[in-house]
Amino acid sequence: MTQASSRTRAQAEIAFAEAQSQFLARERPIDELDAIAQARAEKTLRLKTARMARDEEERARVAAPTSSKPSKRA
């Protein structure tokens, strides 16, 4: 009888391991997609910050009075 219960238990453990590995296999792509989305968001934020800084420098350069050379009038 212990042999029968051991065999049943072994079969149950194998079935559980298969079910668990299938569950983890489904979860892995979701984690990868989350990592990709997070990396994309970080890159977007970095590029947006750089663009805003560049635009601010350009606005300051345009607004600042430029020292022009006095024109030589003859």
N, C-alpha and C. Protein backbone atom coordinates (compact mmCIF):
# COMPACT_ATOMS: atom_id res chain seq x y z
N MET A 1 0.82 -1.19 0.00
CA MET A 1 0.00 0.00 0.00
C MET A 1 0.87 1.25 0.00
N THR A 2 1.98 1.21 0.70
CA THR A 2 2.85 2.38 0.70
C THR A 2 3.46 2.60 -0.67
N GLN A 3 3.65 1.50 -1.40
CA GLN A 3 4.18 1.65 -2.75
C GLN A 3 3.17 2.36 -3.64
N ALA A 4 1.90 2.03 -3.50
CA ALA A 4 0.85 2.65 -4.31
C ALA A 4 0.73 4.13 -3.97
N SER A 5 0.80 4.46 -2.68
CA SER A 5 0.70 5.88 -2.30
C SER A 5 1.96 6.64 -2.71
N SER A 6 3.10 5.98 -2.68
CA SER A 6 4.33 6.64 -3.13
C SER A 6 4.27 6.92 -4.62
N ARG A 7 3.75 5.96 -5.37
CA ARG A 7 3.62 6.14 -6.82
C ARG A 7 2.63 7.26 -7.12
N THR A 8 1.52 7.30 -6.40
CA THR A 8 0.51 8.34 -6.59
C THR A 8 1.09 9.71 -6.23
N ARG A 9 1.83 9.73 -5.14
CA ARG A 9 2.44 10.99 -4.72
C ARG A 9 3.46 11.47 -5.75
N ALA A 10 4.26 10.56 -6.27
CA ALA A 10 5.26 10.92 -7.28
C ALA A 10 4.59 11.46 -8.54
N GLN A 11 3.49 10.81 -8.95
CA GLN A 11 2.76 11.29 -10.13
C GLN A 11 2.17 12.68 -9.86
N ALA A 12 1.66 12.88 -8.65
CA ALA A 12 1.09 14.19 -8.30
C ALA A 12 2.18 15.26 -8.30
N GLU A 13 3.35 14.93 -7.78
CA GLU A 13 4.45 15.90 -7.76
C GLU A 13 4.91 16.24 -9.17
N ILE A 14 4.96 15.25 -10.04
CA ILE A 14 5.34 15.49 -11.44
C ILE A 14 4.31 16.39 -12.11
N ALA A 15 3.03 16.10 -11.89
CA ALA A 15 1.97 16.92 -12.49
C ALA A 15 2.03 18.35 -11.96
N PHE A 16 2.29 18.49 -10.67
CA PHE A 16 2.39 19.83 -10.08
C PHE A 16 3.59 20.58 -10.67
N ALA A 17 4.72 19.89 -10.80
CA ALA A 17 5.90 20.53 -11.35
C ALA A 17 5.66 21.00 -12.79
N GLU A 18 4.97 20.20 -13.57
CA GLU A 18 4.65 20.59 -14.95
C GLU A 18 3.73 21.81 -14.97
N ALA A 19 2.71 21.78 -14.12
CA ALA A 19 1.78 22.91 -14.07
C ALA A 19 2.49 24.17 -13.61
N GLN A 20 3.36 24.02 -12.63
CA GLN A 20 4.09 25.18 -12.12
C GLN A 20 5.04 25.74 -13.17
N SER A 21 5.72 24.87 -13.91
CA SER A 21 6.65 25.37 -14.93
C SER A 21 5.89 26.06 -16.06
N GLN A 22 4.69 25.56 -16.39
CA GLN A 22 3.89 26.23 -17.42
C GLN A 22 3.45 27.61 -16.94
N PHE A 23 3.08 27.72 -15.67
CA PHE A 23 2.69 29.01 -15.10
C PHE A 23 3.86 29.99 -15.14
N LEU A 24 5.03 29.52 -14.73
CA LEU A 24 6.21 30.39 -14.73
C LEU A 24 6.61 30.77 -16.14
N ALA A 25 6.42 29.85 -17.09
CA ALA A 25 6.75 30.15 -18.48
C ALA A 25 5.83 31.25 -19.02
N ARG A 26 4.58 31.27 -18.58
CA ARG A 26 3.66 32.33 -19.01
C ARG A 26 4.00 33.65 -18.35
N GLU A 27 4.51 33.60 -17.13
CA GLU A 27 4.80 34.82 -16.38
C GLU A 27 6.08 35.49 -16.88
N ARG A 28 7.02 34.72 -17.38
CA ARG A 28 8.32 35.25 -17.82
C ARG A 28 8.19 36.29 -18.94
N PRO A 29 7.42 36.04 -20.01
CA PRO A 29 7.29 37.07 -21.05
C PRO A 29 6.66 38.36 -20.53
N ILE A 30 5.76 38.25 -19.57
CA ILE A 30 5.14 39.45 -19.00
C ILE A 30 6.20 40.27 -18.28
N ASP A 31 7.07 39.60 -17.52
CA ASP A 31 8.15 40.31 -16.84
C ASP A 31 9.08 40.98 -17.84
N GLU A 32 9.37 40.29 -18.94
CA GLU A 32 10.23 40.86 -19.97
C GLU A 32 9.58 42.09 -20.60
N LEU A 33 8.28 42.01 -20.87
CA LEU A 33 7.57 43.15 -21.44
C LEU A 33 7.55 44.32 -20.48
N ASP A 34 7.39 44.05 -19.19
CA ASP A 34 7.43 45.11 -18.19
C ASP A 34 8.80 45.78 -18.16
N ALA A 35 9.86 44.99 -18.27
CA ALA A 35 11.21 45.54 -18.27
C ALA A 35 11.43 46.40 -19.51
N ILE A 36 10.94 45.95 -20.65
CA ILE A 36 11.07 46.72 -21.89
C ILE A 36 10.30 48.03 -21.78
N ALA A 37 9.10 47.98 -21.24
CA ALA A 37 8.29 49.20 -21.09
C ALA A 37 8.96 50.17 -20.13
N GLN A 38 9.55 49.67 -19.05
CA GLN A 38 10.23 50.53 -18.10
C GLN A 38 11.47 51.18 -18.74
N ALA A 39 12.22 50.40 -19.50
CA ALA A 39 13.39 50.94 -20.17
C ALA A 39 12.98 52.02 -21.18
N ARG A 40 11.87 51.79 -21.88
CA ARG A 40 11.38 52.76 -22.85
C ARG A 40 10.97 54.05 -22.15
N ALA A 41 10.30 53.93 -21.02
CA ALA A 41 9.87 55.11 -20.26
C ALA A 41 11.06 55.90 -19.75
N GLU A 42 12.09 55.21 -19.27
CA GLU A 42 13.30 55.89 -18.79
C GLU A 42 14.00 56.62 -19.93
N LYS A 43 14.09 55.98 -21.09
CA LYS A 43 14.74 56.60 -22.24
C LYS A 43 13.95 57.82 -22.71
N THR A 44 12.63 57.69 -22.73
CA THR A 44 11.78 58.81 -23.13
C THR A 44 11.97 59.99 -22.19
N LEU A 45 12.02 59.71 -20.90
CA LEU A 45 12.22 60.78 -19.92
C LEU A 45 13.58 61.45 -20.11
N ARG A 46 14.61 60.63 -20.34
CA ARG A 46 15.96 61.18 -20.54
C ARG A 46 16.01 62.05 -21.80
N LEU A 47 15.41 61.58 -22.88
CA LEU A 47 15.41 62.35 -24.12
C LEU A 47 14.56 63.63 -23.99
N LYS A 48 13.45 63.54 -23.29
CA LYS A 48 12.59 64.71 -23.10
C LYS A 48 13.32 65.76 -22.29
N THR A 49 14.04 65.33 -21.24
CA THR A 49 14.80 66.26 -20.41
C THR A 49 15.89 66.93 -21.24
N ALA A 50 16.58 66.16 -22.06
CA ALA A 50 17.64 66.72 -22.91
C ALA A 50 17.06 67.69 -23.93
N ARG A 51 15.91 67.36 -24.51
CA ARG A 51 15.28 68.25 -25.49
C ARG A 51 14.84 69.54 -24.85
N MET A 52 14.26 69.45 -23.65
CA MET A 52 13.81 70.65 -22.96
C MET A 52 15.00 71.55 -22.59
N ALA A 53 16.11 70.95 -22.18
CA ALA A 53 17.30 71.73 -21.86
C ALA A 53 17.85 72.42 -23.11
N ARG A 54 17.88 71.68 -24.22
CA ARG A 54 18.36 72.25 -25.48
C ARG A 54 17.47 73.40 -25.92
N ASP A 55 16.15 73.22 -25.82
CA ASP A 55 15.22 74.28 -26.22
C ASP A 55 15.37 75.50 -25.33
N GLU A 56 15.59 75.28 -24.04
CA GLU A 56 15.77 76.39 -23.11
C GLU A 56 17.04 77.17 -23.45
N GLU A 57 18.11 76.46 -23.76
CA GLU A 57 19.35 77.13 -24.16
C GLU A 57 19.14 77.95 -25.42
N GLU A 58 18.40 77.39 -26.37
CA GLU A 58 18.14 78.10 -27.62
C GLU A 58 17.30 79.35 -27.37
N ARG A 59 16.29 79.24 -26.51
CA ARG A 59 15.47 80.42 -26.18
C ARG A 59 16.31 81.49 -25.50
N ALA A 60 17.21 81.07 -24.61
CA ALA A 60 18.05 82.04 -23.90
C ALA A 60 19.01 82.71 -24.88
N ARG A 61 19.52 81.94 -25.82
CA ARG A 61 20.46 82.49 -26.80
C ARG A 61 19.75 83.51 -27.70
N VAL A 62 18.53 83.22 -28.10
CA VAL A 62 17.77 84.13 -28.96
C VAL A 62 17.37 85.37 -28.19
N ALA A 63 17.01 85.22 -26.94
CA ALA A 63 16.54 86.35 -26.14
C ALA A 63 17.69 87.23 -25.66
N ALA A 64 18.87 86.67 -25.51
CA ALA A 64 20.00 87.45 -25.01
C ALA A 64 20.44 88.45 -26.08
N PRO A 65 20.78 89.63 -25.63
CA PRO A 65 21.26 90.60 -26.62
C PRO A 65 22.63 90.15 -27.14
N THR A 66 22.72 90.16 -28.43
CA THR A 66 23.98 89.74 -29.04
C THR A 66 24.85 90.98 -29.20
N SER A 67 26.11 90.78 -28.96
CA SER A 67 27.03 91.92 -29.13
C SER A 67 27.44 91.93 -30.59
N SER A 68 26.87 92.87 -31.30
CA SER A 68 27.20 92.96 -32.72
C SER A 68 28.33 93.98 -32.89
N LYS A 69 29.12 93.73 -33.85
CA LYS A 69 30.22 94.65 -34.13
C LYS A 69 29.63 95.93 -34.71
N PRO A 70 30.18 97.03 -34.31
CA PRO A 70 29.66 98.29 -34.91
C PRO A 70 29.94 98.29 -36.41
N SER A 71 28.94 98.64 -37.15
CA SER A 71 29.10 98.65 -38.58
C SER A 71 29.95 99.87 -38.98
N LYS A 72 30.79 99.65 -39.92
CA LYS A 72 31.65 100.74 -40.41
C LYS A 72 30.90 101.47 -41.50
N ARG A 73 30.56 102.65 -41.18
CA ARG A 73 29.88 103.47 -42.18
C ARG A 73 30.87 104.46 -42.75
N ALA A 74 30.89 104.52 -43.97
CA ALA A 74 31.86 105.43 -44.61
C ALA A 74 31.24 106.72 -44.99
